[in-house]
PDB file of N, CA and C in Angstrom:
ATOM      1  N   UNK A   1      65.222  79.584  42.909  1.00  0.00           N
ATOM      2  CA  UNK A   1      65.212  80.476  41.776  1.00  0.00           C
ATOM      3  C   UNK A   1      66.654  80.693  41.339  1.00  0.00           C
ATOM      4  N   UNK A   2      66.926  80.324  40.135  1.00  0.00           N
ATOM      5  CA  UNK A   2      68.265  80.516  39.572  1.00  0.00           C
ATOM      6  C   UNK A   2      68.451  82.001  39.251  1.00  0.00           C
ATOM      7  N   UNK A   3      69.494  82.601  39.791  1.00  0.00           N
ATOM      8  CA  UNK A   3      69.759  84.025  39.550  1.00  0.00           C
ATOM      9  C   UNK A   3      70.985  84.180  38.654  1.00  0.00           C
ATOM     10  N   UNK A   4      70.829  83.708  37.447  1.00  0.00           N
ATOM     11  CA  UNK A   4      71.921  83.730  36.486  1.00  0.00           C
ATOM     12  C   UNK A   4      71.665  84.797  35.419  1.00  0.00           C
ATOM     13  N   UNK A   5      72.270  84.625  34.254  1.00  0.00           N
ATOM     14  CA  UNK A   5      72.124  85.596  33.172  1.00  0.00           C
ATOM     15  C   UNK A   5      70.662  85.739  32.744  1.00  0.00           C
ATOM     16  N   UNK A   6      69.930  84.626  32.704  1.00  0.00           N
ATOM     17  CA  UNK A   6      68.506  84.699  32.348  1.00  0.00           C
ATOM     18  C   UNK A   6      67.747  85.608  33.305  1.00  0.00           C
ATOM     19  N   UNK A   7      68.040  85.504  34.578  1.00  0.00           N
ATOM     20  CA  UNK A   7      67.402  86.319  35.616  1.00  0.00           C
ATOM     21  C   UNK A   7      67.653  87.798  35.338  1.00  0.00           C
ATOM     22  N   UNK A   8      68.916  88.143  35.116  1.00  0.00           N
ATOM     23  CA  UNK A   8      69.248  89.550  34.873  1.00  0.00           C
ATOM     24  C   UNK A   8      68.768  90.019  33.508  1.00  0.00           C
ATOM     25  N   UNK A   9      68.800  89.145  32.491  1.00  0.00           N
ATOM     26  CA  UNK A   9      68.302  89.512  31.167  1.00  0.00           C
ATOM     27  C   UNK A   9      66.814  89.867  31.201  1.00  0.00           C
ATOM     28  N   UNK A  10      66.080  89.237  32.111  1.00  0.00           N
ATOM     29  CA  UNK A  10      64.661  89.537  32.253  1.00  0.00           C
ATOM     30  C   UNK A  10      64.427  90.811  33.069  1.00  0.00           C
ATOM     31  N   UNK A  11      65.517  91.390  33.576  1.00  0.00           N
ATOM     32  CA  UNK A  11      65.399  92.618  34.359  1.00  0.00           C
ATOM     33  C   UNK A  11      64.843  92.384  35.752  1.00  0.00           C
ATOM     34  N   UNK A  12      65.008  91.159  36.264  1.00  0.00           N
ATOM     35  CA  UNK A  12      64.468  90.812  37.569  1.00  0.00           C
ATOM     36  C   UNK A  12      65.402  91.233  38.693  1.00  0.00           C
ATOM     37  N   UNK A  13      64.813  91.505  39.851  1.00  0.00           N
ATOM     38  CA  UNK A  13      65.570  91.842  41.060  1.00  0.00           C
ATOM     39  C   UNK A  13      65.022  91.017  42.214  1.00  0.00           C
ATOM     40  N   UNK A  14      65.630  91.140  43.368  1.00  0.00           N
ATOM     41  CA  UNK A  14      65.162  90.423  44.559  1.00  0.00           C
ATOM     42  C   UNK A  14      63.724  90.790  44.900  1.00  0.00           C
ATOM     43  N   UNK A  15      63.332  91.996  44.586  1.00  0.00           N
ATOM     44  CA  UNK A  15      61.956  92.431  44.853  1.00  0.00           C
ATOM     45  C   UNK A  15      60.949  91.637  44.024  1.00  0.00           C
ATOM     46  N   UNK A  16      61.383  91.114  42.884  1.00  0.00           N
ATOM     47  CA  UNK A  16      60.495  90.342  42.016  1.00  0.00           C
ATOM     48  C   UNK A  16      60.270  88.924  42.510  1.00  0.00           C
ATOM     49  N   UNK A  17      61.056  88.490  43.482  1.00  0.00           N
ATOM     50  CA  UNK A  17      60.921  87.130  44.022  1.00  0.00           C
ATOM     51  C   UNK A  17      60.774  87.164  45.544  1.00  0.00           C
ATOM     52  N   UNK A  18      60.106  88.185  46.033  1.00  0.00           N
ATOM     53  CA  UNK A  18      59.964  88.387  47.473  1.00  0.00           C
ATOM     54  C   UNK A  18      58.882  87.499  48.090  1.00  0.00           C
ATOM     55  N   UNK A  19      57.948  87.015  47.290  1.00  0.00           N
ATOM     56  CA  UNK A  19      56.878  86.177  47.841  1.00  0.00           C
ATOM     57  C   UNK A  19      56.795  84.856  47.080  1.00  0.00           C
ATOM     58  N   UNK A  20      56.173  83.887  47.709  1.00  0.00           N
ATOM     59  CA  UNK A  20      55.980  82.579  47.078  1.00  0.00           C
ATOM     60  C   UNK A  20      55.163  82.737  45.800  1.00  0.00           C
ATOM     61  N   UNK A  21      54.153  83.573  45.842  1.00  0.00           N
ATOM     62  CA  UNK A  21      53.302  83.783  44.667  1.00  0.00           C
ATOM     63  C   UNK A  21      54.105  84.332  43.496  1.00  0.00           C
ATOM     64  N   UNK A  22      55.001  85.278  43.759  1.00  0.00           N
ATOM     65  CA  UNK A  22      55.830  85.842  42.698  1.00  0.00           C
ATOM     66  C   UNK A  22      56.746  84.784  42.102  1.00  0.00           C
ATOM     67  N   UNK A  23      57.346  83.973  42.949  1.00  0.00           N
ATOM     68  CA  UNK A  23      58.249  82.921  42.477  1.00  0.00           C
ATOM     69  C   UNK A  23      57.485  81.935  41.599  1.00  0.00           C
ATOM     70  N   UNK A  24      56.316  81.527  42.037  1.00  0.00           N
ATOM     71  CA  UNK A  24      55.517  80.585  41.252  1.00  0.00           C
ATOM     72  C   UNK A  24      55.178  81.173  39.884  1.00  0.00           C
ATOM     73  N   UNK A  25      54.726  82.417  39.867  1.00  0.00           N
ATOM     74  CA  UNK A  25      54.380  83.058  38.597  1.00  0.00           C
ATOM     75  C   UNK A  25      55.582  83.129  37.657  1.00  0.00           C
ATOM     76  N   UNK A  26      56.742  83.478  38.201  1.00  0.00           N
ATOM     77  CA  UNK A  26      57.943  83.573  37.373  1.00  0.00           C
ATOM     78  C   UNK A  26      58.382  82.208  36.851  1.00  0.00           C
ATOM     79  N   UNK A  27      58.305  81.178  37.689  1.00  0.00           N
ATOM     80  CA  UNK A  27      58.714  79.842  37.250  1.00  0.00           C
ATOM     81  C   UNK A  27      57.768  79.279  36.198  1.00  0.00           C
ATOM     82  N   UNK A  28      56.496  79.604  36.304  1.00  0.00           N
ATOM     83  CA  UNK A  28      55.543  79.167  35.282  1.00  0.00           C
ATOM     84  C   UNK A  28      55.856  79.870  33.961  1.00  0.00           C
ATOM     85  N   UNK A  29      56.142  81.157  34.044  1.00  0.00           N
ATOM     86  CA  UNK A  29      56.424  81.936  32.836  1.00  0.00           C
ATOM     87  C   UNK A  29      57.815  81.655  32.272  1.00  0.00           C
ATOM     88  N   UNK A  30      58.788  81.350  33.158  1.00  0.00           N
ATOM     89  CA  UNK A  30      60.184  81.170  32.748  1.00  0.00           C
ATOM     90  C   UNK A  30      60.785  79.955  33.466  1.00  0.00           C
ATOM     91  N   UNK A  31      60.436  78.735  33.038  1.00  0.00           N
ATOM     92  CA  UNK A  31      60.894  77.525  33.735  1.00  0.00           C
ATOM     93  C   UNK A  31      62.411  77.379  33.819  1.00  0.00           C
ATOM     94  N   UNK A  32      63.147  78.030  32.943  1.00  0.00           N
ATOM     95  CA  UNK A  32      64.613  77.918  32.998  1.00  0.00           C
ATOM     96  C   UNK A  32      65.196  78.546  34.259  1.00  0.00           C
ATOM     97  N   UNK A  33      64.394  79.331  34.965  1.00  0.00           N
ATOM     98  CA  UNK A  33      64.863  79.944  36.201  1.00  0.00           C
ATOM     99  C   UNK A  33      64.830  78.978  37.382  1.00  0.00           C
ATOM    100  N   UNK A  34      64.245  77.797  37.192  1.00  0.00           N
ATOM    101  CA  UNK A  34      64.159  76.843  38.293  1.00  0.00           C
ATOM    102  C   UNK A  34      65.555  76.348  38.655  1.00  0.00           C
ATOM    103  N   UNK A  35      65.876  76.422  39.934  1.00  0.00           N
ATOM    104  CA  UNK A  35      67.211  76.064  40.416  1.00  0.00           C
ATOM    105  C   UNK A  35      67.440  74.551  40.371  1.00  0.00           C
ATOM    106  N   UNK A  36      66.444  73.773  40.736  1.00  0.00           N
ATOM    107  CA  UNK A  36      66.589  72.320  40.774  1.00  0.00           C
ATOM    108  C   UNK A  36      65.503  71.678  39.929  1.00  0.00           C
ATOM    109  N   UNK A  37      65.824  70.624  39.210  1.00  0.00           N
ATOM    110  CA  UNK A  37      64.789  69.948  38.433  1.00  0.00           C
ATOM    111  C   UNK A  37      63.820  69.196  39.348  1.00  0.00           C
ATOM    112  N   UNK A  38      62.559  69.157  38.960  1.00  0.00           N
ATOM    113  CA  UNK A  38      61.537  68.402  39.674  1.00  0.00           C
ATOM    114  C   UNK A  38      61.073  67.296  38.737  1.00  0.00           C
ATOM    115  N   UNK A  39      61.092  66.072  39.236  1.00  0.00           N
ATOM    116  CA  UNK A  39      60.669  64.923  38.439  1.00  0.00           C
ATOM    117  C   UNK A  39      59.370  64.408  39.046  1.00  0.00           C
ATOM    118  N   UNK A  40      58.348  64.253  38.194  1.00  0.00           N
ATOM    119  CA  UNK A  40      57.028  63.819  38.638  1.00  0.00           C
ATOM    120  C   UNK A  40      56.703  62.489  37.984  1.00  0.00           C
ATOM    121  N   UNK A  41      56.203  61.577  38.799  1.00  0.00           N
ATOM    122  CA  UNK A  41      55.733  60.282  38.285  1.00  0.00           C
ATOM    123  C   UNK A  41      54.463  59.934  39.049  1.00  0.00           C
ATOM    124  N   UNK A  42      53.377  59.904  38.327  1.00  0.00           N
ATOM    125  CA  UNK A  42      52.101  59.641  38.983  1.00  0.00           C
ATOM    126  C   UNK A  42      51.766  60.767  39.952  1.00  0.00           C
ATOM    127  N   UNK A  43      51.503  60.395  41.181  1.00  0.00           N
ATOM    128  CA  UNK A  43      51.153  61.380  42.204  1.00  0.00           C
ATOM    129  C   UNK A  43      52.344  61.746  43.094  1.00  0.00           C
ATOM    130  N   UNK A  44      53.523  61.299  42.740  1.00  0.00           N
ATOM    131  CA  UNK A  44      54.732  61.593  43.523  1.00  0.00           C
ATOM    132  C   UNK A  44      55.669  62.481  42.730  1.00  0.00           C
ATOM    133  N   UNK A  45      56.440  63.264  43.456  1.00  0.00           N
ATOM    134  CA  UNK A  45      57.439  64.130  42.831  1.00  0.00           C
ATOM    135  C   UNK A  45      58.639  64.237  43.763  1.00  0.00           C
ATOM    136  N   UNK A  46      59.817  64.394  43.166  1.00  0.00           N
ATOM    137  CA  UNK A  46      61.037  64.626  43.946  1.00  0.00           C
ATOM    138  C   UNK A  46      61.827  65.752  43.314  1.00  0.00           C
ATOM    139  N   UNK A  47      62.572  66.446  44.149  1.00  0.00           N
ATOM    140  CA  UNK A  47      63.534  67.423  43.656  1.00  0.00           C
ATOM    141  C   UNK A  47      64.776  66.623  43.322  1.00  0.00           C
ATOM    142  N   UNK A  48      65.164  66.620  42.068  1.00  0.00           N
ATOM    143  CA  UNK A  48      66.214  65.733  41.569  1.00  0.00           C
ATOM    144  C   UNK A  48      67.616  66.278  41.822  1.00  0.00           C
ATOM    145  N   UNK A  49      67.894  66.578  43.039  1.00  0.00           N
ATOM    146  CA  UNK A  49      69.222  67.035  43.415  1.00  0.00           C
ATOM    147  C   UNK A  49      69.578  66.398  44.725  1.00  0.00           C
ATOM    148  N   UNK A  50      70.474  65.495  44.843  1.00  0.00           N
ATOM    149  CA  UNK A  50      71.322  64.974  43.792  1.00  0.00           C
ATOM    150  C   UNK A  50      70.532  64.095  42.833  1.00  0.00           C
ATOM    151  N   UNK A  51      71.069  63.891  41.646  1.00  0.00           N
ATOM    152  CA  UNK A  51      70.339  63.138  40.619  1.00  0.00           C
ATOM    153  C   UNK A  51      69.858  61.750  41.057  1.00  0.00           C
ATOM    154  N   UNK A  52      70.556  61.119  41.971  1.00  0.00           N
ATOM    155  CA  UNK A  52      70.153  59.761  42.377  1.00  0.00           C
ATOM    156  C   UNK A  52      68.795  59.737  43.072  1.00  0.00           C
ATOM    157  N   UNK A  53      68.282  60.894  43.526  1.00  0.00           N
ATOM    158  CA  UNK A  53      66.963  60.897  44.147  1.00  0.00           C
ATOM    159  C   UNK A  53      65.864  60.536  43.161  1.00  0.00           C
ATOM    160  N   UNK A  54      66.132  60.680  41.873  1.00  0.00           N
ATOM    161  CA  UNK A  54      65.164  60.274  40.844  1.00  0.00           C
ATOM    162  C   UNK A  54      64.903  58.778  40.940  1.00  0.00           C
ATOM    163  N   UNK A  55      65.912  58.029  41.347  1.00  0.00           N
ATOM    164  CA  UNK A  55      65.756  56.579  41.457  1.00  0.00           C
ATOM    165  C   UNK A  55      64.647  56.203  42.454  1.00  0.00           C
ATOM    166  N   UNK A  56      64.336  57.085  43.407  1.00  0.00           N
ATOM    167  CA  UNK A  56      63.274  56.827  44.360  1.00  0.00           C
ATOM    168  C   UNK A  56      61.920  56.662  43.666  1.00  0.00           C
ATOM    169  N   UNK A  57      61.768  57.299  42.510  1.00  0.00           N
ATOM    170  CA  UNK A  57      60.509  57.214  41.786  1.00  0.00           C
ATOM    171  C   UNK A  57      60.434  56.019  40.842  1.00  0.00           C
ATOM    172  N   UNK A  58      61.565  55.442  40.536  1.00  0.00           N
ATOM    173  CA  UNK A  58      61.585  54.344  39.553  1.00  0.00           C
ATOM    174  C   UNK A  58      61.336  52.986  40.179  1.00  0.00           C
TER     175      UNK A  58
END
């Protein structure tokens, strides 16, 4: 969960991301809060950090 200006602009605190369910709900509602990009191809997905991990899907 990215805790940048967007996080504070939304009025969020650590209590708002205390559970997995809360984090999922927030990321669905506000995808810009995602700390790392996720790349999906077919039935596989990777966290694209470092960026070269995307090559695993290609």
